[in-house]
Amino acid sequence: MGRDAEDRVADGEIVDFGHLSPKAKPGRFLMCPTDYCSRAPDLESPVFDMEWERLRDLWSETVARQRRVKLIAGDGDRRKITYVQHSAVLRLPDIVTVEFVDLPDGKSSFAIESRPRYGWLDFGTNEARVREWVGLVRTVAKQ
């Protein structure tokens, strides 16, 4: 195992928002735009008055300032990005995948899931992380 192995993704660890399991596993937190994900989200994603590429750039800048976060995967145009964030004390890894969504009229949003890599008990950490990161991006975007 080891820290380097924890900072890589294995097959099936990057979320496919169009093919989610019908029932969420405990400890996962899902935020999606209306009718975007194949399972009802825990919370609906905000809509931003900007193109998805600008939202992605704001998101990336914001997340880069978070502690113990490492970008571990991204597709060619970085429409989908996956991170690992380690807990402060035990350094347990959580996996966060975000996919940026192009909406009509120059607007955008994102789907995001945060989950523990091991087990299912997270004491609300994944929900808190998503809410915090989204709040920071909304502040930077002034929305």
N, C-alpha and C. Protein backbone atom coordinates (compact mmCIF):
# COMPACT_ATOMS: atom_id res chain seq x y z
N MET A 1 0.85 -1.17 0.00
CA MET A 1 0.00 0.00 0.00
C MET A 1 0.90 1.23 0.00
N GLY A 2 0.95 2.03 1.03
CA GLY A 2 1.82 3.18 1.09
C GLY A 2 1.20 4.44 0.53
N ARG A 3 1.79 5.59 0.87
CA ARG A 3 1.23 6.90 0.50
C ARG A 3 1.17 7.09 -1.01
N ASP A 4 2.18 6.67 -1.74
CA ASP A 4 2.16 6.84 -3.20
C ASP A 4 0.99 6.09 -3.82
N ALA A 5 0.72 4.89 -3.35
CA ALA A 5 -0.40 4.11 -3.88
C ALA A 5 -1.73 4.77 -3.57
N GLU A 6 -1.83 5.45 -2.43
CA GLU A 6 -3.07 6.12 -2.06
C GLU A 6 -3.32 7.36 -2.91
N ASP A 7 -2.29 7.86 -3.56
CA ASP A 7 -2.42 9.05 -4.39
C ASP A 7 -2.55 8.71 -5.87
N ARG A 8 -2.99 7.51 -6.15
CA ARG A 8 -3.32 7.09 -7.52
C ARG A 8 -4.74 6.52 -7.50
N VAL A 9 -5.40 6.57 -8.65
CA VAL A 9 -6.74 5.99 -8.73
C VAL A 9 -6.67 4.65 -9.44
N ALA A 10 -7.48 3.74 -8.96
CA ALA A 10 -7.59 2.43 -9.59
C ALA A 10 -8.80 2.45 -10.52
N ASP A 11 -8.91 1.42 -11.34
CA ASP A 11 -10.07 1.29 -12.23
C ASP A 11 -11.35 1.39 -11.40
N GLY A 12 -12.28 2.18 -11.88
CA GLY A 12 -13.57 2.30 -11.22
C GLY A 12 -13.65 3.32 -10.10
N GLU A 13 -12.53 3.97 -9.76
CA GLU A 13 -12.57 4.95 -8.67
C GLU A 13 -12.94 6.36 -9.14
N ILE A 14 -12.88 6.62 -10.44
CA ILE A 14 -13.31 7.91 -10.96
C ILE A 14 -14.80 7.79 -11.25
N VAL A 15 -15.56 8.70 -10.70
CA VAL A 15 -17.01 8.65 -10.78
C VAL A 15 -17.49 8.88 -12.21
N ASP A 16 -18.45 8.07 -12.63
CA ASP A 16 -19.18 8.29 -13.88
C ASP A 16 -20.56 8.78 -13.45
N PHE A 17 -20.79 10.07 -13.51
CA PHE A 17 -22.01 10.67 -12.98
C PHE A 17 -23.27 10.21 -13.73
N GLY A 18 -23.10 9.72 -14.94
CA GLY A 18 -24.24 9.21 -15.70
C GLY A 18 -24.58 7.77 -15.40
N HIS A 19 -23.72 7.09 -14.64
CA HIS A 19 -23.93 5.67 -14.32
C HIS A 19 -23.62 5.39 -12.85
N LEU A 20 -24.24 6.14 -11.98
CA LEU A 20 -24.04 5.95 -10.54
C LEU A 20 -24.87 4.77 -10.04
N SER A 21 -24.39 4.14 -9.00
CA SER A 21 -25.16 3.09 -8.34
C SER A 21 -26.47 3.70 -7.85
N PRO A 22 -27.60 2.97 -8.01
CA PRO A 22 -28.89 3.54 -7.61
C PRO A 22 -28.96 3.91 -6.13
N LYS A 23 -28.20 3.21 -5.31
CA LYS A 23 -28.21 3.50 -3.88
C LYS A 23 -26.82 3.96 -3.46
N ALA A 24 -26.77 5.11 -2.80
CA ALA A 24 -25.49 5.65 -2.36
C ALA A 24 -24.94 4.85 -1.19
N LYS A 25 -23.63 4.64 -1.21
CA LYS A 25 -22.98 4.02 -0.06
C LYS A 25 -22.81 5.07 1.03
N PRO A 26 -22.84 4.68 2.28
CA PRO A 26 -22.66 5.65 3.38
C PRO A 26 -21.33 6.38 3.26
N GLY A 27 -21.32 7.62 3.71
CA GLY A 27 -20.11 8.42 3.71
C GLY A 27 -19.88 9.21 2.44
N ARG A 28 -20.66 8.93 1.40
CA ARG A 28 -20.51 9.66 0.14
C ARG A 28 -21.44 10.87 0.15
N PHE A 29 -20.98 11.95 -0.50
CA PHE A 29 -21.83 13.13 -0.65
C PHE A 29 -21.80 13.53 -2.11
N LEU A 30 -22.99 13.68 -2.70
CA LEU A 30 -23.16 13.96 -4.12
C LEU A 30 -23.91 15.27 -4.32
N MET A 31 -23.35 16.13 -5.17
CA MET A 31 -24.01 17.38 -5.55
C MET A 31 -24.03 17.42 -7.08
N CYS A 32 -25.22 17.63 -7.66
CA CYS A 32 -25.35 17.63 -9.13
C CYS A 32 -26.33 18.70 -9.58
N PRO A 33 -26.18 19.17 -10.83
CA PRO A 33 -27.21 20.02 -11.42
C PRO A 33 -28.49 19.21 -11.63
N THR A 34 -29.59 19.87 -11.80
CA THR A 34 -30.88 19.22 -12.04
C THR A 34 -30.78 18.25 -13.21
N ASP A 35 -31.23 17.02 -12.99
CA ASP A 35 -31.31 15.97 -14.02
C ASP A 35 -29.98 15.62 -14.68
N TYR A 36 -28.87 15.86 -14.03
CA TYR A 36 -27.57 15.54 -14.63
C TYR A 36 -27.06 14.17 -14.22
N CYS A 37 -27.21 13.82 -12.96
CA CYS A 37 -26.70 12.55 -12.45
C CYS A 37 -27.77 11.47 -12.52
N SER A 38 -27.33 10.23 -12.59
CA SER A 38 -28.26 9.12 -12.70
C SER A 38 -28.91 8.75 -11.37
N ARG A 39 -28.47 9.37 -10.29
CA ARG A 39 -29.08 9.18 -8.97
C ARG A 39 -29.37 10.56 -8.39
N ALA A 40 -30.42 10.65 -7.62
CA ALA A 40 -30.77 11.93 -6.99
C ALA A 40 -29.62 12.37 -6.09
N PRO A 41 -29.19 13.62 -6.22
CA PRO A 41 -28.08 14.11 -5.41
C PRO A 41 -28.52 14.42 -3.98
N ASP A 42 -27.54 14.56 -3.11
CA ASP A 42 -27.81 15.01 -1.75
C ASP A 42 -28.15 16.49 -1.75
N LEU A 43 -27.62 17.21 -2.73
CA LEU A 43 -27.84 18.65 -2.83
C LEU A 43 -27.68 19.06 -4.29
N GLU A 44 -28.48 20.02 -4.73
CA GLU A 44 -28.38 20.51 -6.10
C GLU A 44 -27.23 21.51 -6.22
N SER A 45 -26.48 21.40 -7.31
CA SER A 45 -25.34 22.28 -7.55
C SER A 45 -25.81 23.68 -7.94
N PRO A 46 -25.05 24.70 -7.56
CA PRO A 46 -25.38 26.05 -7.99
C PRO A 46 -25.07 26.24 -9.48
N VAL A 47 -25.71 27.22 -10.07
CA VAL A 47 -25.45 27.59 -11.47
C VAL A 47 -24.66 28.89 -11.45
N PHE A 48 -23.63 28.94 -12.28
CA PHE A 48 -22.75 30.10 -12.34
C PHE A 48 -22.93 30.81 -13.67
N ASP A 49 -22.83 32.12 -13.65
CA ASP A 49 -22.99 32.95 -14.84
C ASP A 49 -21.64 33.11 -15.53
N MET A 50 -21.10 31.98 -16.02
CA MET A 50 -19.82 31.97 -16.72
C MET A 50 -19.69 30.66 -17.48
N GLU A 51 -18.82 30.65 -18.47
CA GLU A 51 -18.55 29.43 -19.23
C GLU A 51 -17.89 28.40 -18.31
N TRP A 52 -18.05 27.12 -18.66
CA TRP A 52 -17.52 26.06 -17.79
C TRP A 52 -16.01 26.11 -17.64
N GLU A 53 -15.30 26.58 -18.68
CA GLU A 53 -13.84 26.65 -18.59
C GLU A 53 -13.40 27.67 -17.52
N ARG A 54 -14.12 28.78 -17.44
CA ARG A 54 -13.80 29.78 -16.40
C ARG A 54 -14.13 29.23 -15.02
N LEU A 55 -15.25 28.53 -14.90
CA LEU A 55 -15.61 27.91 -13.62
C LEU A 55 -14.54 26.88 -13.22
N ARG A 56 -14.10 26.08 -14.17
CA ARG A 56 -13.04 25.10 -13.91
C ARG A 56 -11.78 25.78 -13.40
N ASP A 57 -11.40 26.90 -14.02
CA ASP A 57 -10.19 27.60 -13.60
C ASP A 57 -10.34 28.16 -12.19
N LEU A 58 -11.49 28.75 -11.87
CA LEU A 58 -11.73 29.25 -10.51
C LEU A 58 -11.71 28.10 -9.51
N TRP A 59 -12.34 26.99 -9.88
CA TRP A 59 -12.37 25.82 -9.01
C TRP A 59 -10.94 25.33 -8.74
N SER A 60 -10.16 25.18 -9.80
CA SER A 60 -8.80 24.66 -9.67
C SER A 60 -7.94 25.56 -8.79
N GLU A 61 -8.05 26.87 -8.97
CA GLU A 61 -7.30 27.82 -8.15
C GLU A 61 -7.71 27.71 -6.68
N THR A 62 -8.99 27.56 -6.44
CA THR A 62 -9.51 27.47 -5.07
C THR A 62 -9.07 26.19 -4.39
N VAL A 63 -9.22 25.07 -5.07
CA VAL A 63 -8.87 23.78 -4.47
C VAL A 63 -7.36 23.66 -4.27
N ALA A 64 -6.58 24.28 -5.13
CA ALA A 64 -5.12 24.23 -4.98
C ALA A 64 -4.66 24.83 -3.66
N ARG A 65 -5.46 25.70 -3.07
CA ARG A 65 -5.10 26.33 -1.79
C ARG A 65 -5.51 25.50 -0.57
N GLN A 66 -6.21 24.39 -0.80
CA GLN A 66 -6.65 23.55 0.31
C GLN A 66 -5.49 22.67 0.79
N ARG A 67 -5.52 22.35 2.05
CA ARG A 67 -4.43 21.56 2.64
C ARG A 67 -4.60 20.07 2.35
N ARG A 68 -3.47 19.42 2.13
CA ARG A 68 -3.39 17.97 1.96
C ARG A 68 -4.19 17.47 0.76
N VAL A 69 -4.28 18.28 -0.30
CA VAL A 69 -5.02 17.91 -1.51
C VAL A 69 -4.03 17.69 -2.65
N LYS A 70 -4.28 16.64 -3.41
CA LYS A 70 -3.44 16.35 -4.57
C LYS A 70 -4.35 16.02 -5.76
N LEU A 71 -4.10 16.69 -6.88
CA LEU A 71 -4.81 16.36 -8.11
C LEU A 71 -4.21 15.05 -8.62
N ILE A 72 -5.07 14.05 -8.85
CA ILE A 72 -4.54 12.74 -9.23
C ILE A 72 -5.00 12.26 -10.60
N ALA A 73 -6.03 12.90 -11.17
CA ALA A 73 -6.48 12.49 -12.51
C ALA A 73 -7.30 13.62 -13.12
N GLY A 74 -7.24 13.67 -14.45
CA GLY A 74 -8.05 14.62 -15.19
C GLY A 74 -8.12 14.18 -16.64
N ASP A 75 -9.23 14.45 -17.29
CA ASP A 75 -9.34 14.08 -18.69
C ASP A 75 -8.64 15.14 -19.54
N GLY A 76 -8.65 14.97 -20.85
CA GLY A 76 -7.88 15.82 -21.76
C GLY A 76 -8.15 17.30 -21.64
N ASP A 77 -9.41 17.70 -21.54
CA ASP A 77 -9.71 19.13 -21.42
C ASP A 77 -9.99 19.53 -19.98
N ARG A 78 -9.74 18.61 -19.07
CA ARG A 78 -9.95 18.80 -17.64
C ARG A 78 -11.39 19.19 -17.31
N ARG A 79 -12.32 18.59 -18.06
CA ARG A 79 -13.74 18.77 -17.73
C ARG A 79 -14.07 17.94 -16.49
N LYS A 80 -13.33 16.85 -16.29
CA LYS A 80 -13.48 16.01 -15.10
C LYS A 80 -12.13 15.90 -14.41
N ILE A 81 -12.11 16.20 -13.10
CA ILE A 81 -10.88 16.19 -12.32
C ILE A 81 -11.12 15.37 -11.05
N THR A 82 -10.12 14.59 -10.67
CA THR A 82 -10.21 13.81 -9.44
C THR A 82 -9.04 14.17 -8.53
N TYR A 83 -9.36 14.34 -7.25
CA TYR A 83 -8.39 14.71 -6.22
C TYR A 83 -8.40 13.67 -5.11
N VAL A 84 -7.33 13.65 -4.34
CA VAL A 84 -7.30 12.95 -3.06
C VAL A 84 -6.98 14.00 -2.00
N GLN A 85 -7.75 13.97 -0.92
CA GLN A 85 -7.42 14.80 0.23
C GLN A 85 -7.25 13.87 1.42
N HIS A 86 -6.13 14.01 2.12
CA HIS A 86 -5.85 13.17 3.28
C HIS A 86 -6.31 13.87 4.55
N SER A 87 -6.84 13.09 5.48
CA SER A 87 -7.28 13.66 6.77
C SER A 87 -6.05 14.16 7.54
N ALA A 88 -6.29 15.10 8.44
CA ALA A 88 -5.20 15.76 9.14
C ALA A 88 -4.43 14.82 10.07
N VAL A 89 -5.13 13.98 10.81
CA VAL A 89 -4.46 13.18 11.83
C VAL A 89 -3.99 11.83 11.30
N LEU A 90 -4.91 11.03 10.81
CA LEU A 90 -4.56 9.68 10.36
C LEU A 90 -4.12 9.61 8.90
N ARG A 91 -4.26 10.72 8.17
CA ARG A 91 -3.88 10.79 6.76
C ARG A 91 -4.67 9.83 5.89
N LEU A 92 -5.91 9.53 6.28
CA LEU A 92 -6.76 8.66 5.47
C LEU A 92 -7.22 9.41 4.23
N PRO A 93 -7.23 8.75 3.08
CA PRO A 93 -7.56 9.43 1.83
C PRO A 93 -9.06 9.43 1.54
N ASP A 94 -9.55 10.58 1.11
CA ASP A 94 -10.88 10.71 0.53
C ASP A 94 -10.69 11.07 -0.93
N ILE A 95 -11.58 10.57 -1.77
CA ILE A 95 -11.49 10.83 -3.21
C ILE A 95 -12.62 11.80 -3.59
N VAL A 96 -12.26 12.84 -4.33
CA VAL A 96 -13.22 13.85 -4.76
C VAL A 96 -13.14 13.95 -6.28
N THR A 97 -14.27 13.74 -6.95
CA THR A 97 -14.33 13.89 -8.40
C THR A 97 -15.32 15.00 -8.73
N VAL A 98 -14.90 15.90 -9.60
CA VAL A 98 -15.76 17.00 -10.05
C VAL A 98 -15.79 16.99 -11.57
N GLU A 99 -16.99 17.20 -12.12
CA GLU A 99 -17.17 17.27 -13.58
C GLU A 99 -17.91 18.57 -13.89
N PHE A 100 -17.34 19.38 -14.76
CA PHE A 100 -17.92 20.68 -15.09
C PHE A 100 -18.95 20.52 -16.21
N VAL A 101 -20.05 21.24 -16.06
CA VAL A 101 -21.21 21.07 -16.93
C VAL A 101 -21.48 22.37 -17.67
N ASP A 102 -21.51 22.29 -18.99
CA ASP A 102 -21.83 23.42 -19.84
C ASP A 102 -23.35 23.56 -19.91
N LEU A 103 -23.86 24.73 -19.57
CA LEU A 103 -25.30 24.99 -19.61
C LEU A 103 -25.60 26.06 -20.66
N PRO A 104 -26.85 26.17 -21.08
CA PRO A 104 -27.21 27.19 -22.08
C PRO A 104 -26.93 28.62 -21.59
N ASP A 105 -26.85 29.52 -22.55
CA ASP A 105 -26.71 30.96 -22.29
C ASP A 105 -25.45 31.33 -21.53
N GLY A 106 -24.35 30.61 -21.79
CA GLY A 106 -23.08 30.95 -21.16
C GLY A 106 -22.98 30.63 -19.69
N LYS A 107 -23.85 29.79 -19.20
CA LYS A 107 -23.83 29.41 -17.78
C LYS A 107 -23.17 28.04 -17.62
N SER A 108 -22.84 27.71 -16.38
CA SER A 108 -22.21 26.42 -16.12
C SER A 108 -22.50 25.97 -14.69
N SER A 109 -22.18 24.74 -14.44
CA SER A 109 -22.33 24.16 -13.11
C SER A 109 -21.33 23.01 -13.01
N PHE A 110 -21.51 22.15 -12.01
CA PHE A 110 -20.65 20.99 -11.88
C PHE A 110 -21.37 19.91 -11.09
N ALA A 111 -20.92 18.69 -11.30
CA ALA A 111 -21.31 17.56 -10.46
C ALA A 111 -20.08 17.22 -9.64
N ILE A 112 -20.29 16.89 -8.37
CA ILE A 112 -19.16 16.56 -7.51
C ILE A 112 -19.57 15.47 -6.53
N GLU A 113 -18.67 14.51 -6.36
CA GLU A 113 -18.86 13.50 -5.33
C GLU A 113 -17.58 13.41 -4.51
N SER A 114 -17.75 13.40 -3.19
CA SER A 114 -16.65 13.22 -2.26
C SER A 114 -16.95 11.99 -1.43
N ARG A 115 -15.95 11.12 -1.27
CA ARG A 115 -16.19 9.84 -0.59
C ARG A 115 -14.91 9.32 0.06
N PRO A 116 -15.06 8.52 1.08
CA PRO A 116 -13.88 7.90 1.67
C PRO A 116 -13.37 6.77 0.78
N ARG A 117 -12.08 6.62 0.70
CA ARG A 117 -11.52 5.51 -0.06
C ARG A 117 -11.71 4.21 0.71
N TYR A 118 -11.55 4.27 2.03
CA TYR A 118 -11.67 3.08 2.85
C TYR A 118 -12.88 3.22 3.77
N GLY A 119 -13.64 2.15 3.90
CA GLY A 119 -14.76 2.16 4.83
C GLY A 119 -15.89 3.06 4.40
N TRP A 120 -16.71 3.43 5.35
CA TRP A 120 -17.87 4.26 5.04
C TRP A 120 -18.14 5.31 6.11
N LEU A 121 -17.48 5.24 7.23
CA LEU A 121 -17.70 6.19 8.31
C LEU A 121 -16.86 7.43 8.08
N ASP A 122 -17.51 8.59 7.93
CA ASP A 122 -16.74 9.80 7.66
C ASP A 122 -17.10 10.97 8.57
N PHE A 123 -18.04 10.78 9.48
CA PHE A 123 -18.43 11.82 10.44
C PHE A 123 -18.84 13.12 9.76
N GLY A 124 -19.39 13.03 8.54
CA GLY A 124 -19.85 14.21 7.81
C GLY A 124 -18.75 14.99 7.11
N THR A 125 -17.55 14.43 7.07
CA THR A 125 -16.40 15.13 6.46
C THR A 125 -16.61 15.41 4.98
N ASN A 126 -17.14 14.45 4.25
CA ASN A 126 -17.29 14.62 2.80
C ASN A 126 -18.33 15.68 2.47
N GLU A 127 -19.44 15.69 3.19
CA GLU A 127 -20.43 16.76 2.98
C GLU A 127 -19.84 18.11 3.33
N ALA A 128 -19.15 18.19 4.45
CA ALA A 128 -18.55 19.46 4.87
C ALA A 128 -17.54 19.96 3.84
N ARG A 129 -16.75 19.04 3.29
CA ARG A 129 -15.75 19.42 2.28
C ARG A 129 -16.43 20.01 1.05
N VAL A 130 -17.44 19.32 0.54
CA VAL A 130 -18.12 19.81 -0.65
C VAL A 130 -18.74 21.17 -0.39
N ARG A 131 -19.44 21.30 0.72
CA ARG A 131 -20.06 22.60 1.04
C ARG A 131 -19.01 23.71 1.18
N GLU A 132 -17.89 23.40 1.81
CA GLU A 132 -16.84 24.40 1.98
C GLU A 132 -16.24 24.81 0.64
N TRP A 133 -15.83 23.82 -0.18
CA TRP A 133 -15.21 24.14 -1.46
C TRP A 133 -16.17 24.91 -2.36
N VAL A 134 -17.43 24.49 -2.40
CA VAL A 134 -18.42 25.18 -3.23
C VAL A 134 -18.62 26.60 -2.72
N GLY A 135 -18.68 26.76 -1.41
CA GLY A 135 -18.82 28.10 -0.82
C GLY A 135 -17.65 29.00 -1.18
N LEU A 136 -16.44 28.47 -1.15
CA LEU A 136 -15.26 29.25 -1.52
C LEU A 136 -15.30 29.66 -2.99
N VAL A 137 -15.70 28.74 -3.85
CA VAL A 137 -15.79 29.06 -5.29
C VAL A 137 -16.88 30.11 -5.52
N ARG A 138 -17.99 29.98 -4.83
CA ARG A 138 -19.06 30.99 -4.99
C ARG A 138 -18.56 32.37 -4.54
N THR A 139 -17.78 32.41 -3.49
CA THR A 139 -17.24 33.69 -3.01
C THR A 139 -16.29 34.28 -4.04
N VAL A 140 -15.39 33.46 -4.57
CA VAL A 140 -14.43 33.94 -5.58
C VAL A 140 -15.18 34.38 -6.84
N ALA A 141 -16.23 33.66 -7.21
CA ALA A 141 -17.01 33.99 -8.39
C ALA A 141 -17.99 35.12 -8.14
N LYS A 142 -18.10 35.51 -6.87
CA LYS A 142 -19.02 36.57 -6.44
C LYS A 142 -20.46 36.23 -6.78
N GLN A 143 -20.84 34.96 -6.49
CA GLN A 143 -22.22 34.51 -6.73
C GLN A 143 -22.80 33.89 -5.50
